[in-house]
Amino acid sequence: MAQIVHKYTLLILLSVLIMHSLSTSVHSTKFHEKKPCKRFTLYFHDILFNGTNLANATAATAVNRTQLGNYKHGMLVVFDDPMTKQNNLLTPPEARAQGFYFYDTKDAYNAWFAYTLIFNSTEHKGTLNIMGADLMGEETRDLSVVGGTGDFFMTRGIATFRTDGQPNAFYFRVKMDIKLYECY
C-alpha cells in the first residue's frame, strides 16, 4: 500500500512540475523593441512674455519662482505655442501645444511638462497628450505620449526632446521626435 501511495505522490509531483513549466513558458515573453507605427518631428517654439513682447508672446508666467535656489524653482508657465515642421518660427504651424510646465528642482534646471498637441491641418486632425520630466541637462529627454484623439485615437508612445536653440531667456526651441507605438 505504501508503495502505491509513493507512486501516486511521485506522479502528482511530476504532473505539477510539468504543468508549471508549460505555463511559465507560455507566459514569459522577451521584450522586443517595436518599430513605431507613426513617427514625425516637430519644433516647439516657446516665447515667454517679458513685459514688452505682448504681440509675440506665446507663454506667460502664472506663478513666479520661489527663493529656493537659483534655478526658477516653483515657476509655473502656461503656454499656447506653435509647432512647426522646420526649426524656423516663421514657417506655418502644423499644430499648437497648449498646456503648462513648472520648474521642479532647486539645484538644476529641470521642468515637468503636461500639454496637448492640437492638430488641425490637411495632414493630421486630432490631439496628442504628452507629459513628463524634462531633465534639461541631458542632451535628449523622453516624455510620455499618454493618449490622443482623432488620427491619434488612444495612442501611446515617446516624445524625445532635444534643445535646438535658446538665443535668450525669453525664447527657446525644442526639437521633438515623436514615436507612436500604439496606433488604432
N, C-alpha and C. Protein backbone atom coordinates (compact mmCIF):
# COMPACT_ATOMS: atom_id res chain seq x y z
N MET A 1 0.82 -1.19 0.00
CA MET A 1 0.00 0.00 0.00
C MET A 1 0.86 1.26 0.00
N ALA A 2 1.91 1.27 0.82
CA ALA A 2 2.81 2.43 0.90
C ALA A 2 3.49 2.66 -0.44
N GLN A 3 3.77 1.56 -1.17
CA GLN A 3 4.43 1.68 -2.48
C GLN A 3 3.49 2.34 -3.50
N ILE A 4 2.20 2.06 -3.46
CA ILE A 4 1.22 2.66 -4.38
C ILE A 4 1.07 4.15 -4.07
N VAL A 5 0.99 4.51 -2.78
CA VAL A 5 0.90 5.91 -2.38
C VAL A 5 2.14 6.67 -2.85
N HIS A 6 3.30 6.04 -2.71
CA HIS A 6 4.56 6.66 -3.14
C HIS A 6 4.56 6.89 -4.65
N LYS A 7 4.05 5.94 -5.44
CA LYS A 7 4.00 6.09 -6.90
C LYS A 7 3.04 7.22 -7.28
N TYR A 8 1.85 7.27 -6.64
CA TYR A 8 0.89 8.32 -6.95
C TYR A 8 1.42 9.70 -6.55
N THR A 9 2.08 9.78 -5.43
CA THR A 9 2.67 11.05 -4.99
C THR A 9 3.72 11.51 -5.99
N LEU A 10 4.56 10.63 -6.45
CA LEU A 10 5.58 10.95 -7.45
C LEU A 10 4.94 11.37 -8.76
N LEU A 11 3.87 10.69 -9.16
CA LEU A 11 3.16 11.02 -10.39
C LEU A 11 2.50 12.40 -10.30
N ILE A 12 1.90 12.71 -9.18
CA ILE A 12 1.26 14.02 -8.98
C ILE A 12 2.33 15.11 -8.98
N LEU A 13 3.43 14.91 -8.28
CA LEU A 13 4.51 15.89 -8.23
C LEU A 13 5.08 16.14 -9.63
N LEU A 14 5.30 15.08 -10.38
CA LEU A 14 5.81 15.21 -11.75
C LEU A 14 4.82 15.97 -12.64
N SER A 15 3.53 15.70 -12.49
CA SER A 15 2.50 16.39 -13.26
C SER A 15 2.48 17.89 -12.93
N VAL A 16 2.57 18.22 -11.66
CA VAL A 16 2.58 19.63 -11.24
C VAL A 16 3.80 20.34 -11.82
N LEU A 17 4.95 19.71 -11.78
CA LEU A 17 6.17 20.32 -12.33
C LEU A 17 6.06 20.54 -13.84
N ILE A 18 5.51 19.59 -14.54
CA ILE A 18 5.35 19.73 -16.00
C ILE A 18 4.36 20.84 -16.31
N MET A 19 3.24 20.90 -15.60
CA MET A 19 2.25 21.95 -15.85
C MET A 19 2.82 23.33 -15.53
N HIS A 20 3.60 23.41 -14.45
CA HIS A 20 4.20 24.69 -14.09
C HIS A 20 5.20 25.15 -15.16
N SER A 21 6.02 24.27 -15.65
CA SER A 21 6.99 24.66 -16.67
C SER A 21 6.30 25.05 -17.97
N LEU A 22 5.20 24.37 -18.32
CA LEU A 22 4.46 24.75 -19.52
C LEU A 22 3.81 26.12 -19.36
N SER A 23 3.21 26.40 -18.21
CA SER A 23 2.56 27.70 -18.02
C SER A 23 3.59 28.82 -17.97
N THR A 24 4.75 28.57 -17.42
CA THR A 24 5.81 29.58 -17.38
C THR A 24 6.31 29.87 -18.78
N SER A 25 6.48 28.87 -19.60
CA SER A 25 6.99 29.11 -20.95
C SER A 25 5.96 29.81 -21.83
N VAL A 26 4.68 29.61 -21.56
CA VAL A 26 3.64 30.26 -22.34
C VAL A 26 3.58 31.75 -22.00
N HIS A 27 3.74 32.11 -20.71
CA HIS A 27 3.57 33.49 -20.27
C HIS A 27 4.85 34.31 -20.31
N SER A 28 5.99 33.70 -20.43
CA SER A 28 7.21 34.50 -20.46
C SER A 28 7.55 34.88 -21.89
N THR A 29 7.60 36.17 -22.11
CA THR A 29 7.97 36.67 -23.42
C THR A 29 9.11 37.66 -23.25
N LYS A 30 10.01 37.66 -24.17
CA LYS A 30 11.11 38.61 -24.13
C LYS A 30 10.63 39.92 -24.73
N PHE A 31 11.18 41.02 -24.19
CA PHE A 31 10.84 42.34 -24.71
C PHE A 31 11.59 42.55 -26.02
N HIS A 32 10.85 42.86 -27.05
CA HIS A 32 11.43 43.21 -28.34
C HIS A 32 10.99 44.62 -28.67
N GLU A 33 11.96 45.51 -28.87
CA GLU A 33 11.61 46.88 -29.20
C GLU A 33 10.88 46.90 -30.53
N LYS A 34 9.69 47.47 -30.51
CA LYS A 34 8.88 47.55 -31.71
C LYS A 34 9.27 48.78 -32.51
N LYS A 35 9.00 48.71 -33.80
CA LYS A 35 9.16 49.90 -34.62
C LYS A 35 7.90 50.74 -34.45
N PRO A 36 8.05 52.06 -34.46
CA PRO A 36 6.86 52.90 -34.29
C PRO A 36 5.90 52.76 -35.46
N CYS A 37 4.60 52.86 -35.17
CA CYS A 37 3.59 52.81 -36.22
C CYS A 37 3.43 54.18 -36.88
N LYS A 38 3.79 55.25 -36.17
CA LYS A 38 3.84 56.61 -36.73
C LYS A 38 5.04 57.31 -36.13
N ARG A 39 5.71 58.11 -36.96
CA ARG A 39 6.87 58.87 -36.47
C ARG A 39 6.94 60.18 -37.24
N PHE A 40 7.15 61.27 -36.50
CA PHE A 40 7.32 62.57 -37.15
C PHE A 40 8.07 63.50 -36.19
N THR A 41 8.59 64.58 -36.76
CA THR A 41 9.36 65.55 -35.99
C THR A 41 8.68 66.91 -36.07
N LEU A 42 8.58 67.56 -34.92
CA LEU A 42 8.04 68.90 -34.83
C LEU A 42 8.96 69.76 -33.97
N TYR A 43 8.88 71.07 -34.16
CA TYR A 43 9.66 72.01 -33.37
C TYR A 43 8.71 72.84 -32.51
N PHE A 44 9.02 72.87 -31.22
CA PHE A 44 8.24 73.55 -30.19
C PHE A 44 8.88 74.92 -29.99
N HIS A 45 8.15 76.00 -30.22
CA HIS A 45 8.66 77.37 -30.07
C HIS A 45 7.96 78.03 -28.89
N ASP A 46 8.72 78.38 -27.85
CA ASP A 46 8.16 78.98 -26.65
C ASP A 46 8.71 80.40 -26.51
N ILE A 47 7.81 81.38 -26.56
CA ILE A 47 8.19 82.79 -26.40
C ILE A 47 7.53 83.30 -25.13
N LEU A 48 8.32 83.45 -24.08
CA LEU A 48 7.83 83.86 -22.78
C LEU A 48 7.59 85.38 -22.75
N PHE A 49 6.44 85.78 -22.24
CA PHE A 49 6.11 87.20 -22.12
C PHE A 49 7.11 87.86 -21.18
N ASN A 50 7.74 88.97 -21.66
CA ASN A 50 8.76 89.65 -20.85
C ASN A 50 8.35 91.06 -20.45
N GLY A 51 7.10 91.42 -20.70
CA GLY A 51 6.62 92.76 -20.35
C GLY A 51 6.57 93.70 -21.54
N THR A 52 7.28 93.36 -22.62
CA THR A 52 7.30 94.25 -23.79
C THR A 52 6.90 93.54 -25.08
N ASN A 53 6.77 92.22 -25.07
CA ASN A 53 6.52 91.47 -26.31
C ASN A 53 5.09 90.90 -26.37
N LEU A 54 4.13 91.70 -26.04
CA LEU A 54 2.73 91.27 -25.99
C LEU A 54 2.27 90.66 -27.31
N ALA A 55 2.66 91.23 -28.44
CA ALA A 55 2.21 90.74 -29.75
C ALA A 55 2.82 89.38 -30.11
N ASN A 56 4.03 89.08 -29.63
CA ASN A 56 4.73 87.85 -30.00
C ASN A 56 4.65 86.74 -28.96
N ALA A 57 4.37 87.06 -27.72
CA ALA A 57 4.45 86.08 -26.63
C ALA A 57 3.45 84.95 -26.83
N THR A 58 3.90 83.73 -26.56
CA THR A 58 3.04 82.55 -26.62
C THR A 58 2.95 81.86 -25.26
N ALA A 59 3.66 82.40 -24.27
CA ALA A 59 3.68 81.80 -22.93
C ALA A 59 3.78 82.91 -21.89
N ALA A 60 3.24 82.63 -20.72
CA ALA A 60 3.29 83.61 -19.63
C ALA A 60 3.50 82.91 -18.30
N THR A 61 4.23 83.58 -17.43
CA THR A 61 4.44 83.06 -16.08
C THR A 61 3.15 83.23 -15.29
N ALA A 62 2.62 82.13 -14.79
CA ALA A 62 1.40 82.17 -13.99
C ALA A 62 1.71 82.24 -12.50
N VAL A 63 2.82 81.63 -12.10
CA VAL A 63 3.28 81.67 -10.71
C VAL A 63 4.78 81.97 -10.75
N ASN A 64 5.20 82.99 -10.01
CA ASN A 64 6.61 83.37 -10.00
C ASN A 64 7.46 82.34 -9.27
N ARG A 65 8.73 82.39 -9.55
CA ARG A 65 9.67 81.47 -8.91
C ARG A 65 9.76 81.73 -7.41
N THR A 66 10.20 80.71 -6.69
CA THR A 66 10.41 80.86 -5.25
C THR A 66 11.85 81.32 -5.02
N GLN A 67 12.21 81.48 -3.80
CA GLN A 67 13.59 81.86 -3.46
C GLN A 67 14.46 80.65 -3.14
N LEU A 68 13.96 79.45 -3.45
CA LEU A 68 14.73 78.23 -3.20
C LEU A 68 15.67 77.96 -4.37
N GLY A 69 16.90 78.37 -4.25
CA GLY A 69 17.89 78.12 -5.29
C GLY A 69 17.84 79.15 -6.40
N ASN A 70 18.70 78.97 -7.38
CA ASN A 70 18.84 79.90 -8.50
C ASN A 70 18.34 79.33 -9.81
N TYR A 71 17.42 78.37 -9.78
CA TYR A 71 17.02 77.66 -11.00
C TYR A 71 15.52 77.75 -11.27
N LYS A 72 14.91 78.89 -10.93
CA LYS A 72 13.50 79.16 -11.20
C LYS A 72 12.55 78.20 -10.49
N HIS A 73 12.99 77.56 -9.43
CA HIS A 73 12.18 76.58 -8.71
C HIS A 73 10.81 77.14 -8.36
N GLY A 74 9.76 76.41 -8.74
CA GLY A 74 8.39 76.80 -8.43
C GLY A 74 7.71 77.63 -9.49
N MET A 75 8.45 78.14 -10.47
CA MET A 75 7.85 78.97 -11.53
C MET A 75 6.96 78.12 -12.42
N LEU A 76 5.73 78.56 -12.64
CA LEU A 76 4.75 77.87 -13.48
C LEU A 76 4.49 78.72 -14.72
N VAL A 77 4.60 78.10 -15.89
CA VAL A 77 4.40 78.79 -17.16
C VAL A 77 3.26 78.11 -17.91
N VAL A 78 2.32 78.90 -18.38
CA VAL A 78 1.20 78.41 -19.19
C VAL A 78 1.48 78.85 -20.62
N PHE A 79 1.27 77.93 -21.59
CA PHE A 79 1.64 78.27 -22.97
C PHE A 79 0.61 77.82 -23.99
N ASP A 80 0.67 78.47 -25.13
CA ASP A 80 -0.08 78.13 -26.34
C ASP A 80 0.91 78.36 -27.49
N ASP A 81 1.79 77.40 -27.70
CA ASP A 81 2.94 77.55 -28.59
C ASP A 81 2.72 76.93 -29.96
N PRO A 82 3.28 77.56 -31.01
CA PRO A 82 3.20 76.96 -32.34
C PRO A 82 4.18 75.79 -32.47
N MET A 83 3.76 74.78 -33.22
CA MET A 83 4.60 73.61 -33.52
C MET A 83 4.80 73.60 -35.04
N THR A 84 6.05 73.63 -35.48
CA THR A 84 6.35 73.69 -36.90
C THR A 84 7.16 72.48 -37.34
N LYS A 85 7.18 72.22 -38.65
CA LYS A 85 7.98 71.11 -39.19
C LYS A 85 9.45 71.48 -39.32
N GLN A 86 9.74 72.75 -39.52
CA GLN A 86 11.12 73.22 -39.58
C GLN A 86 11.42 74.01 -38.31
N ASN A 87 12.71 74.25 -38.07
CA ASN A 87 13.07 74.97 -36.85
C ASN A 87 12.92 76.48 -36.98
N ASN A 88 12.35 76.95 -38.07
CA ASN A 88 12.10 78.37 -38.28
C ASN A 88 10.73 78.73 -37.71
N LEU A 89 10.72 79.67 -36.79
CA LEU A 89 9.47 80.10 -36.15
C LEU A 89 8.46 80.65 -37.14
N LEU A 90 8.92 81.19 -38.25
CA LEU A 90 8.03 81.83 -39.21
C LEU A 90 7.37 80.85 -40.19
N THR A 91 7.72 79.58 -40.15
CA THR A 91 7.05 78.60 -41.01
C THR A 91 5.65 78.34 -40.47
N PRO A 92 4.72 77.96 -41.34
CA PRO A 92 3.34 77.74 -40.88
C PRO A 92 3.26 76.63 -39.83
N PRO A 93 2.50 76.83 -38.77
CA PRO A 93 2.39 75.80 -37.72
C PRO A 93 1.61 74.58 -38.20
N GLU A 94 2.06 73.41 -37.77
CA GLU A 94 1.37 72.14 -38.02
C GLU A 94 0.39 71.84 -36.90
N ALA A 95 0.69 72.39 -35.73
CA ALA A 95 -0.14 72.13 -34.54
C ALA A 95 0.11 73.25 -33.54
N ARG A 96 -0.66 73.23 -32.45
CA ARG A 96 -0.44 74.12 -31.32
C ARG A 96 -0.20 73.24 -30.10
N ALA A 97 0.73 73.66 -29.26
CA ALA A 97 0.97 72.99 -27.99
C ALA A 97 0.35 73.84 -26.90
N GLN A 98 -0.64 73.30 -26.19
CA GLN A 98 -1.32 74.05 -25.15
C GLN A 98 -1.21 73.30 -23.84
N GLY A 99 -0.66 73.96 -22.83
CA GLY A 99 -0.50 73.32 -21.54
C GLY A 99 0.33 74.15 -20.60
N PHE A 100 1.13 73.48 -19.77
CA PHE A 100 1.95 74.19 -18.79
C PHE A 100 3.22 73.40 -18.49
N TYR A 101 4.19 74.10 -17.94
CA TYR A 101 5.37 73.47 -17.36
C TYR A 101 5.74 74.24 -16.11
N PHE A 102 6.38 73.54 -15.19
CA PHE A 102 6.88 74.21 -14.00
C PHE A 102 8.26 73.68 -13.67
N TYR A 103 9.08 74.56 -13.13
CA TYR A 103 10.44 74.19 -12.73
C TYR A 103 10.35 73.52 -11.37
N ASP A 104 10.82 72.29 -11.30
CA ASP A 104 10.56 71.48 -10.11
C ASP A 104 11.81 71.09 -9.31
N THR A 105 12.96 71.64 -9.64
CA THR A 105 14.17 71.31 -8.91
C THR A 105 14.87 72.59 -8.49
N LYS A 106 15.38 72.62 -7.28
CA LYS A 106 16.01 73.85 -6.81
C LYS A 106 17.52 73.88 -7.06
N ASP A 107 18.11 72.76 -7.51
CA ASP A 107 19.56 72.75 -7.73
C ASP A 107 19.97 72.47 -9.17
N ALA A 108 19.03 72.55 -10.12
CA ALA A 108 19.32 72.37 -11.55
C ALA A 108 18.11 72.85 -12.34
N TYR A 109 18.32 73.12 -13.63
CA TYR A 109 17.19 73.47 -14.49
C TYR A 109 16.50 72.20 -14.96
N ASN A 110 15.38 71.90 -14.35
CA ASN A 110 14.52 70.79 -14.74
C ASN A 110 13.09 71.29 -14.69
N ALA A 111 12.27 70.74 -15.58
CA ALA A 111 10.86 71.14 -15.61
C ALA A 111 9.99 69.92 -15.80
N TRP A 112 8.74 70.05 -15.46
CA TRP A 112 7.75 69.00 -15.69
C TRP A 112 6.69 69.57 -16.60
N PHE A 113 6.44 68.88 -17.73
CA PHE A 113 5.50 69.35 -18.76
C PHE A 113 4.22 68.52 -18.75
N ALA A 114 3.11 69.16 -19.06
CA ALA A 114 1.84 68.49 -19.34
C ALA A 114 1.13 69.36 -20.38
N TYR A 115 0.91 68.80 -21.58
CA TYR A 115 0.30 69.60 -22.63
C TYR A 115 -0.36 68.72 -23.68
N THR A 116 -1.15 69.38 -24.51
CA THR A 116 -1.84 68.72 -25.61
C THR A 116 -1.38 69.35 -26.92
N LEU A 117 -0.99 68.52 -27.87
CA LEU A 117 -0.74 68.99 -29.23
C LEU A 117 -2.07 68.94 -29.96
N ILE A 118 -2.49 70.07 -30.51
CA ILE A 118 -3.76 70.14 -31.22
C ILE A 118 -3.47 70.30 -32.70
N PHE A 119 -3.84 69.29 -33.48
CA PHE A 119 -3.60 69.28 -34.92
C PHE A 119 -4.89 69.67 -35.64
N ASN A 120 -4.76 70.54 -36.62
CA ASN A 120 -5.88 70.89 -37.48
C ASN A 120 -5.30 71.28 -38.83
N SER A 121 -4.73 70.30 -39.51
CA SER A 121 -4.09 70.55 -40.79
C SER A 121 -4.63 69.53 -41.80
N THR A 122 -4.16 69.64 -43.02
CA THR A 122 -4.58 68.66 -44.03
C THR A 122 -3.94 67.30 -43.76
N GLU A 123 -2.80 67.29 -43.07
CA GLU A 123 -2.09 66.04 -42.80
C GLU A 123 -2.65 65.29 -41.59
N HIS A 124 -2.96 66.01 -40.51
CA HIS A 124 -3.43 65.38 -39.27
C HIS A 124 -4.57 66.18 -38.67
N LYS A 125 -5.50 65.45 -38.05
CA LYS A 125 -6.57 66.06 -37.25
C LYS A 125 -6.63 65.28 -35.94
N GLY A 126 -6.77 66.01 -34.84
CA GLY A 126 -6.87 65.36 -33.55
C GLY A 126 -5.89 65.94 -32.55
N THR A 127 -5.69 65.22 -31.45
CA THR A 127 -4.80 65.68 -30.39
C THR A 127 -3.85 64.58 -29.94
N LEU A 128 -2.74 64.98 -29.37
CA LEU A 128 -1.80 64.10 -28.67
C LEU A 128 -1.57 64.68 -27.29
N ASN A 129 -1.62 63.86 -26.26
CA ASN A 129 -1.38 64.31 -24.89
C ASN A 129 0.01 63.83 -24.45
N ILE A 130 0.83 64.78 -23.99
CA ILE A 130 2.22 64.50 -23.64
C ILE A 130 2.48 65.02 -22.24
N MET A 131 3.21 64.23 -21.45
CA MET A 131 3.58 64.68 -20.11
C MET A 131 4.85 63.99 -19.66
N GLY A 132 5.56 64.66 -18.75
CA GLY A 132 6.75 64.06 -18.17
C GLY A 132 7.81 65.07 -17.79
N ALA A 133 8.90 64.56 -17.25
CA ALA A 133 10.00 65.39 -16.77
C ALA A 133 10.95 65.73 -17.91
N ASP A 134 11.32 67.00 -17.97
CA ASP A 134 12.31 67.48 -18.93
C ASP A 134 13.58 67.77 -18.15
N LEU A 135 14.50 66.81 -18.16
CA LEU A 135 15.78 66.96 -17.46
C LEU A 135 16.72 67.73 -18.38
N MET A 136 16.69 69.05 -18.27
CA MET A 136 17.30 69.93 -19.24
C MET A 136 18.80 69.77 -19.39
N GLY A 137 19.47 69.20 -18.42
CA GLY A 137 20.91 68.98 -18.51
C GLY A 137 21.29 67.84 -19.44
N GLU A 138 20.34 67.00 -19.79
CA GLU A 138 20.59 65.87 -20.68
C GLU A 138 20.49 66.32 -22.14
N GLU A 139 21.24 65.66 -23.02
CA GLU A 139 21.17 66.01 -24.44
C GLU A 139 19.80 65.69 -25.02
N THR A 140 19.26 64.52 -24.68
CA THR A 140 17.91 64.15 -25.12
C THR A 140 17.11 63.74 -23.89
N ARG A 141 15.80 64.01 -23.94
CA ARG A 141 14.90 63.68 -22.84
C ARG A 141 13.64 63.07 -23.43
N ASP A 142 13.16 62.00 -22.82
CA ASP A 142 11.95 61.33 -23.29
C ASP A 142 10.77 61.67 -22.39
N LEU A 143 9.69 62.12 -23.02
CA LEU A 143 8.43 62.35 -22.33
C LEU A 143 7.41 61.37 -22.87
N SER A 144 6.42 61.05 -22.09
CA SER A 144 5.43 60.04 -22.47
C SER A 144 4.30 60.65 -23.29
N VAL A 145 3.94 59.97 -24.38
CA VAL A 145 2.70 60.26 -25.10
C VAL A 145 1.67 59.34 -24.46
N VAL A 146 0.67 59.93 -23.81
CA VAL A 146 -0.24 59.14 -22.98
C VAL A 146 -1.63 58.97 -23.56
N GLY A 147 -1.87 59.51 -24.75
CA GLY A 147 -3.19 59.34 -25.36
C GLY A 147 -3.40 60.32 -26.48
N GLY A 148 -4.57 60.26 -27.05
CA GLY A 148 -4.89 61.17 -28.14
C GLY A 148 -6.30 60.96 -28.65
N THR A 149 -6.66 61.81 -29.62
CA THR A 149 -7.98 61.73 -30.25
C THR A 149 -7.80 61.84 -31.75
N GLY A 150 -8.88 61.66 -32.50
CA GLY A 150 -8.85 61.81 -33.95
C GLY A 150 -7.89 60.83 -34.60
N ASP A 151 -6.97 61.32 -35.42
CA ASP A 151 -5.97 60.46 -36.07
C ASP A 151 -5.09 59.75 -35.07
N PHE A 152 -5.06 60.21 -33.84
CA PHE A 152 -4.19 59.65 -32.80
C PHE A 152 -5.00 58.99 -31.68
N PHE A 153 -6.17 58.46 -32.01
CA PHE A 153 -7.08 57.88 -31.03
C PHE A 153 -6.37 56.86 -30.15
N MET A 154 -6.36 57.12 -28.84
CA MET A 154 -5.82 56.21 -27.81
C MET A 154 -4.38 55.80 -28.05
N THR A 155 -3.59 56.62 -28.70
CA THR A 155 -2.22 56.25 -29.00
C THR A 155 -1.32 56.39 -27.77
N ARG A 156 -0.20 55.70 -27.81
CA ARG A 156 0.83 55.84 -26.78
C ARG A 156 2.19 55.83 -27.45
N GLY A 157 3.15 56.46 -26.81
CA GLY A 157 4.48 56.50 -27.39
C GLY A 157 5.42 57.38 -26.59
N ILE A 158 6.44 57.89 -27.30
CA ILE A 158 7.51 58.69 -26.69
C ILE A 158 7.73 59.95 -27.53
N ALA A 159 7.90 61.07 -26.85
CA ALA A 159 8.33 62.31 -27.50
C ALA A 159 9.72 62.63 -26.97
N THR A 160 10.73 62.54 -27.84
CA THR A 160 12.11 62.78 -27.44
C THR A 160 12.44 64.25 -27.67
N PHE A 161 12.80 64.94 -26.60
CA PHE A 161 13.15 66.37 -26.65
C PHE A 161 14.65 66.50 -26.90
N ARG A 162 15.00 67.51 -27.70
CA ARG A 162 16.39 67.92 -27.88
C ARG A 162 16.37 69.45 -28.03
N THR A 163 17.06 70.16 -27.15
CA THR A 163 17.08 71.61 -27.25
C THR A 163 17.73 72.00 -28.57
N ASP A 164 17.03 72.82 -29.35
CA ASP A 164 17.50 73.19 -30.68
C ASP A 164 17.97 74.64 -30.73
N GLY A 165 17.59 75.43 -29.76
CA GLY A 165 18.04 76.81 -29.73
C GLY A 165 17.46 77.55 -28.54
N GLN A 166 18.28 78.41 -27.96
CA GLN A 166 17.83 79.27 -26.87
C GLN A 166 18.66 80.56 -26.94
N PRO A 167 18.29 81.47 -27.85
CA PRO A 167 19.09 82.67 -28.03
C PRO A 167 19.02 83.65 -26.85
N ASN A 168 17.95 83.57 -26.04
CA ASN A 168 17.84 84.46 -24.87
C ASN A 168 16.96 83.80 -23.82
N ALA A 169 16.76 84.50 -22.71
CA ALA A 169 16.00 83.93 -21.59
C ALA A 169 14.50 83.85 -21.85
N PHE A 170 14.02 84.46 -22.95
CA PHE A 170 12.58 84.52 -23.20
C PHE A 170 12.13 83.69 -24.40
N TYR A 171 13.06 83.02 -25.06
CA TYR A 171 12.69 82.17 -26.22
C TYR A 171 13.52 80.90 -26.18
N PHE A 172 12.85 79.77 -26.38
CA PHE A 172 13.59 78.53 -26.60
C PHE A 172 12.86 77.71 -27.65
N ARG A 173 13.62 76.83 -28.30
CA ARG A 173 13.08 75.95 -29.34
C ARG A 173 13.55 74.54 -29.03
N VAL A 174 12.60 73.60 -29.07
CA VAL A 174 12.89 72.20 -28.79
C VAL A 174 12.49 71.37 -30.00
N LYS A 175 13.39 70.52 -30.43
CA LYS A 175 13.07 69.54 -31.48
C LYS A 175 12.43 68.34 -30.80
N MET A 176 11.25 67.97 -31.28
CA MET A 176 10.53 66.83 -30.70
C MET A 176 10.43 65.72 -31.74
N ASP A 177 11.06 64.60 -31.47
CA ASP A 177 10.94 63.41 -32.31
C ASP A 177 9.85 62.55 -31.67
N ILE A 178 8.69 62.47 -32.33
CA ILE A 178 7.54 61.77 -31.76
C ILE A 178 7.43 60.39 -32.39
N LYS A 179 7.47 59.36 -31.55
CA LYS A 179 7.35 57.97 -31.99
C LYS A 179 6.14 57.36 -31.30
N LEU A 180 5.17 56.93 -32.11
CA LEU A 180 3.94 56.34 -31.57
C LEU A 180 3.99 54.83 -31.78
N TYR A 181 3.70 54.08 -30.71
CA TYR A 181 3.80 52.62 -30.76
C TYR A 181 2.45 51.91 -30.71
N GLU A 182 1.42 52.62 -30.35
CA GLU A 182 0.07 52.05 -30.38
C GLU A 182 -0.80 52.98 -31.22
N CYS A 183 -1.14 52.52 -32.41
CA CYS A 183 -1.95 53.32 -33.33
C CYS A 183 -3.19 52.51 -33.70
N TYR A 184 -4.33 53.16 -33.63
CA TYR A 184 -5.59 52.48 -33.94
C TYR A 184 -6.23 53.08 -35.17
